[in-house]
Amino acid sequence: MARTRKPALPNSVSRKALLIGGSDTTFRQVVDDLLLLATDLQSARFALAALVGVTPPQYKMMMYLARQDAPEGLALSALAQALDVSLSFVVAETRRLQKQNLFTLSRDKQDARVVRASLAANGWHALKQAFPAVRRTNDRFFGALTRHELIELGRLAALVNKVRAGLPNQAKKATPNKATPNKATPNKATPNKATPKKAAP
C-alpha cells in the first residue's frame, strides 16, 4: 500500500534573495534563531533591570540617558523619538523614575514648555552597581564575535529595523505589540533565565 505523502507548506517568503535553492528552509532557521535571541535578550534585560529596581523600559531610558552628552538633560520628546515610544509613555515613566530619585526633571531654560530629563545621582549609582553584571552578561553573549562580525551584526540589525520602520501601517499592525512588563524590584523573583547562557541587555 502506497504511503500518503505529507502535504508541504508553501514558501513563507517570495523574494528570490531569501530563497536558497528555491526553499525557505534557511530563512525560517534564521527567523527561529532571531526569535531565540530576542527571548534571551528580553530575559536578560528583565534581570538587569531588576538589579537596578526598575522595569525594562525604564532601564532602557536610564542607559540611553547615561550615554548622552546632554548636561542640561534630554527633552522628553527627543527621548521618546530615540526609543521609538510615545511621548505620553515617556512622560509617565520619567515621573515614576523621578519619584524613585533616579531621574531629575527640569524645565528648559529657553522654552518652559519643554521638559528635560537627566539621571540623578542615585540613578548613576544604581547603574554603576549593576555594571559588573552587565559586563559579564555581554561578554558571555557576544564573546565569540570578532570586531568585524560585531560591526556586521549591527549593520544587518539596523538594516532590518529600517525596513520594518518603513512598513505601511497595515503591515505594522500584523506585528505583535510591545509588551510592557510589570514593575520589577530587586526583591521580586526574576525569570529562570535571570543569568542565561545567552543573554544581553
Protein backbone atom coordinates (compact mmCIF):
# COMPACT_ATOMS: atom_id res chain seq x y z
CA MET A 1 0.00 0.00 0.00
CA ALA A 2 1.46 3.36 -1.04
CA ARG A 3 2.25 5.78 1.78
CA THR A 4 0.30 9.04 1.79
CA ARG A 5 2.62 11.92 1.14
CA LYS A 6 2.69 14.61 3.82
CA PRO A 7 1.43 17.92 2.43
CA ALA A 8 4.09 20.62 2.22
CA LEU A 9 3.63 24.21 3.28
CA PRO A 10 4.29 26.86 0.65
CA ASN A 11 7.37 29.03 1.00
CA SER A 12 6.96 31.71 3.66
CA VAL A 13 8.78 34.30 1.52
CA SER A 14 8.61 35.16 -2.17
CA ARG A 15 11.74 37.24 -2.78
CA LYS A 16 14.38 35.25 -4.64
CA ALA A 17 17.16 36.61 -2.43
CA LEU A 18 15.52 34.97 0.58
CA LEU A 19 15.08 31.57 -1.08
CA ILE A 20 18.04 29.20 -1.15
CA GLY A 21 17.64 26.59 -3.88
CA GLY A 22 14.00 27.59 -4.15
CA SER A 23 13.38 26.74 -0.49
CA ASP A 24 12.69 28.95 2.55
CA THR A 25 14.39 26.50 4.95
CA THR A 26 17.38 28.77 5.58
CA PHE A 27 15.15 31.80 6.02
CA ARG A 28 12.98 30.00 8.58
CA GLN A 29 16.06 28.90 10.51
CA VAL A 30 17.30 32.49 10.63
CA VAL A 31 13.91 33.64 11.94
CA ASP A 32 13.90 30.88 14.58
CA ASP A 33 17.40 31.91 15.70
CA LEU A 34 16.36 35.56 15.87
CA LEU A 35 13.32 34.67 17.97
CA LEU A 36 15.50 32.70 20.37
CA LEU A 37 17.90 35.62 20.53
CA ALA A 38 15.06 38.06 21.22
CA THR A 39 13.76 35.85 24.04
CA ASP A 40 17.18 35.72 25.68
CA LEU A 41 17.65 39.47 25.26
CA GLN A 42 14.30 40.13 26.94
CA SER A 43 15.15 37.77 29.81
CA ALA A 44 18.49 39.45 30.37
CA ARG A 45 17.01 42.95 30.16
CA PHE A 46 14.40 41.96 32.76
CA ALA A 47 17.08 40.56 35.11
CA LEU A 48 19.40 43.55 34.78
CA ALA A 49 16.53 46.00 35.21
CA ALA A 50 15.57 44.16 38.40
CA LEU A 51 19.08 44.72 39.75
CA VAL A 52 18.52 48.45 39.34
CA GLY A 53 14.99 48.21 40.76
CA VAL A 54 13.16 49.38 37.64
CA THR A 55 11.23 47.93 34.71
CA PRO A 56 13.00 47.01 31.44
CA PRO A 57 11.65 50.11 29.62
CA GLN A 58 12.82 52.31 32.49
CA TYR A 59 16.22 50.61 32.44
CA LYS A 60 16.46 51.33 28.72
CA MET A 61 15.71 55.02 29.38
CA MET A 62 18.37 55.17 32.08
CA MET A 63 21.01 53.52 29.91
CA TYR A 64 20.18 55.78 26.97
CA LEU A 65 20.40 58.95 29.06
CA ALA A 66 23.65 57.80 30.63
CA ARG A 67 25.26 57.71 27.17
CA GLN A 68 24.08 61.14 26.04
CA ASP A 69 26.23 64.24 26.14
CA ALA A 70 23.45 66.48 27.41
CA PRO A 71 24.49 68.46 30.52
CA GLU A 72 21.09 70.15 30.70
CA GLY A 73 19.20 66.92 30.16
CA LEU A 74 17.39 65.48 27.17
CA ALA A 75 13.98 66.71 26.07
CA LEU A 76 11.30 64.12 26.72
CA SER A 77 10.16 64.35 23.09
CA ALA A 78 13.69 63.53 21.93
CA LEU A 79 13.84 60.60 24.36
CA ALA A 80 10.53 59.26 23.07
CA GLN A 81 11.69 59.53 19.46
CA ALA A 82 15.03 57.86 20.17
CA LEU A 83 13.41 54.92 21.94
CA ASP A 84 10.51 54.65 19.47
CA VAL A 85 7.80 55.02 22.11
CA SER A 86 5.01 57.54 22.65
CA LEU A 87 5.63 60.83 24.43
CA SER A 88 2.85 60.04 26.91
CA PHE A 89 4.64 56.80 27.84
CA VAL A 90 7.91 58.64 28.40
CA VAL A 91 6.18 61.31 30.50
CA ALA A 92 4.58 58.67 32.75
CA GLU A 93 7.74 56.59 33.15
CA THR A 94 10.09 59.51 33.80
CA ARG A 95 7.75 60.76 36.51
CA ARG A 96 7.92 57.35 38.16
CA LEU A 97 11.69 57.42 37.93
CA GLN A 98 11.70 60.89 39.43
CA LYS A 99 9.68 59.62 42.41
CA GLN A 100 12.34 56.93 42.87
CA ASN A 101 15.01 59.67 42.89
CA LEU A 102 16.61 58.12 39.81
CA PHE A 103 15.70 60.92 37.36
CA THR A 104 15.71 64.68 37.56
CA LEU A 105 13.10 66.56 35.53
CA SER A 106 13.51 70.25 34.76
CA ARG A 107 12.05 72.91 32.50
CA ASP A 108 14.08 74.09 29.53
CA LYS A 109 15.65 77.49 30.19
CA GLN A 110 14.70 78.78 26.74
CA ASP A 111 11.25 77.18 26.44
CA ALA A 112 9.34 76.39 29.65
CA ARG A 113 7.02 74.06 27.71
CA VAL A 114 9.91 71.65 27.18
CA VAL A 115 10.72 69.21 29.99
CA ARG A 116 14.20 67.71 30.15
CA ALA A 117 15.26 64.50 31.88
CA SER A 118 18.61 63.77 33.46
CA LEU A 119 19.98 60.91 35.51
CA ALA A 120 20.02 61.81 39.19
CA ALA A 121 22.99 60.90 41.38
CA ASN A 122 21.04 57.88 42.67
CA GLY A 123 20.42 56.84 39.07
CA TRP A 124 24.10 56.91 38.23
CA HIS A 125 24.91 54.95 41.37
CA ALA A 126 22.26 52.30 40.63
CA LEU A 127 23.59 51.75 37.09
CA LYS A 128 27.21 51.57 38.24
CA GLN A 129 26.27 48.99 40.85
CA ALA A 130 24.70 46.84 38.14
CA PHE A 131 27.56 47.16 35.66
CA PRO A 132 29.60 44.13 36.76
CA ALA A 133 26.56 42.00 35.85
CA VAL A 134 26.03 44.00 32.63
CA ARG A 135 29.62 43.42 31.55
CA ARG A 136 29.54 39.76 32.49
CA THR A 137 26.34 39.20 30.53
CA ASN A 138 27.54 40.98 27.41
CA ASP A 139 30.89 39.19 27.44
CA ARG A 140 29.17 35.81 27.62
CA PHE A 141 26.75 36.67 24.86
CA PHE A 142 28.98 38.42 22.34
CA GLY A 143 32.35 36.99 23.33
CA ALA A 144 32.52 34.69 20.29
CA LEU A 145 32.25 37.59 17.82
CA THR A 146 35.18 39.28 16.14
CA ARG A 147 35.19 43.05 15.78
CA HIS A 148 34.22 42.73 12.12
CA GLU A 149 31.37 40.34 12.96
CA LEU A 150 30.06 42.68 15.65
CA ILE A 151 30.02 45.60 13.21
CA GLU A 152 28.34 43.46 10.55
CA LEU A 153 25.75 42.22 13.04
CA GLY A 154 24.94 45.81 13.95
CA ARG A 155 24.69 46.80 10.29
CA LEU A 156 22.30 43.96 9.48
CA ALA A 157 20.14 44.59 12.54
CA ALA A 158 19.91 48.29 11.63
CA LEU A 159 19.01 47.39 8.04
CA VAL A 160 16.17 45.06 9.09
CA ASN A 161 14.87 47.65 11.57
CA LYS A 162 14.99 50.35 8.92
CA VAL A 163 12.92 48.22 6.55
CA ARG A 164 10.42 47.46 9.31
CA ALA A 165 10.14 51.15 10.21
CA GLY A 166 9.17 51.88 6.61
CA LEU A 167 6.33 49.35 6.53
CA PRO A 168 2.83 50.66 5.86
CA ASN A 169 0.56 50.94 8.89
CA GLN A 170 -1.41 47.82 7.92
CA ALA A 171 1.76 45.73 7.86
CA LYS A 172 2.84 47.10 11.23
CA LYS A 173 -0.49 46.06 12.74
CA ALA A 174 0.34 42.47 11.83
CA THR A 175 3.33 42.57 14.19
CA PRO A 176 2.81 41.96 17.92
CA ASN A 177 2.53 44.92 20.25
CA LYS A 178 5.44 45.72 22.52
CA ALA A 179 4.74 44.29 25.93
CA THR A 180 5.32 46.42 28.98
CA PRO A 181 6.40 44.14 31.84
CA ASN A 182 5.24 44.75 35.37
CA LYS A 183 7.45 46.90 37.54
CA ALA A 184 10.41 44.92 38.76
CA THR A 185 12.20 45.31 42.06
CA PRO A 186 15.35 43.58 43.30
CA ASN A 187 13.29 41.63 45.85
CA LYS A 188 10.96 40.16 43.27
CA ALA A 189 11.68 36.86 41.61
CA THR A 190 13.10 37.10 38.13
CA PRO A 191 12.56 34.55 35.33
CA ASN A 192 14.52 31.33 35.23
CA LYS A 193 16.72 32.94 32.59
CA ALA A 194 17.97 35.58 35.01
CA THR A 195 21.50 34.52 34.16
CA PRO A 196 21.07 32.76 30.81
CA LYS A 197 23.95 31.35 28.85
CA LYS A 198 22.88 33.63 26.04
CA ALA A 199 21.70 36.91 27.47
CA ALA A 200 22.42 40.55 26.90
CA PRO A 201 20.94 43.90 27.96
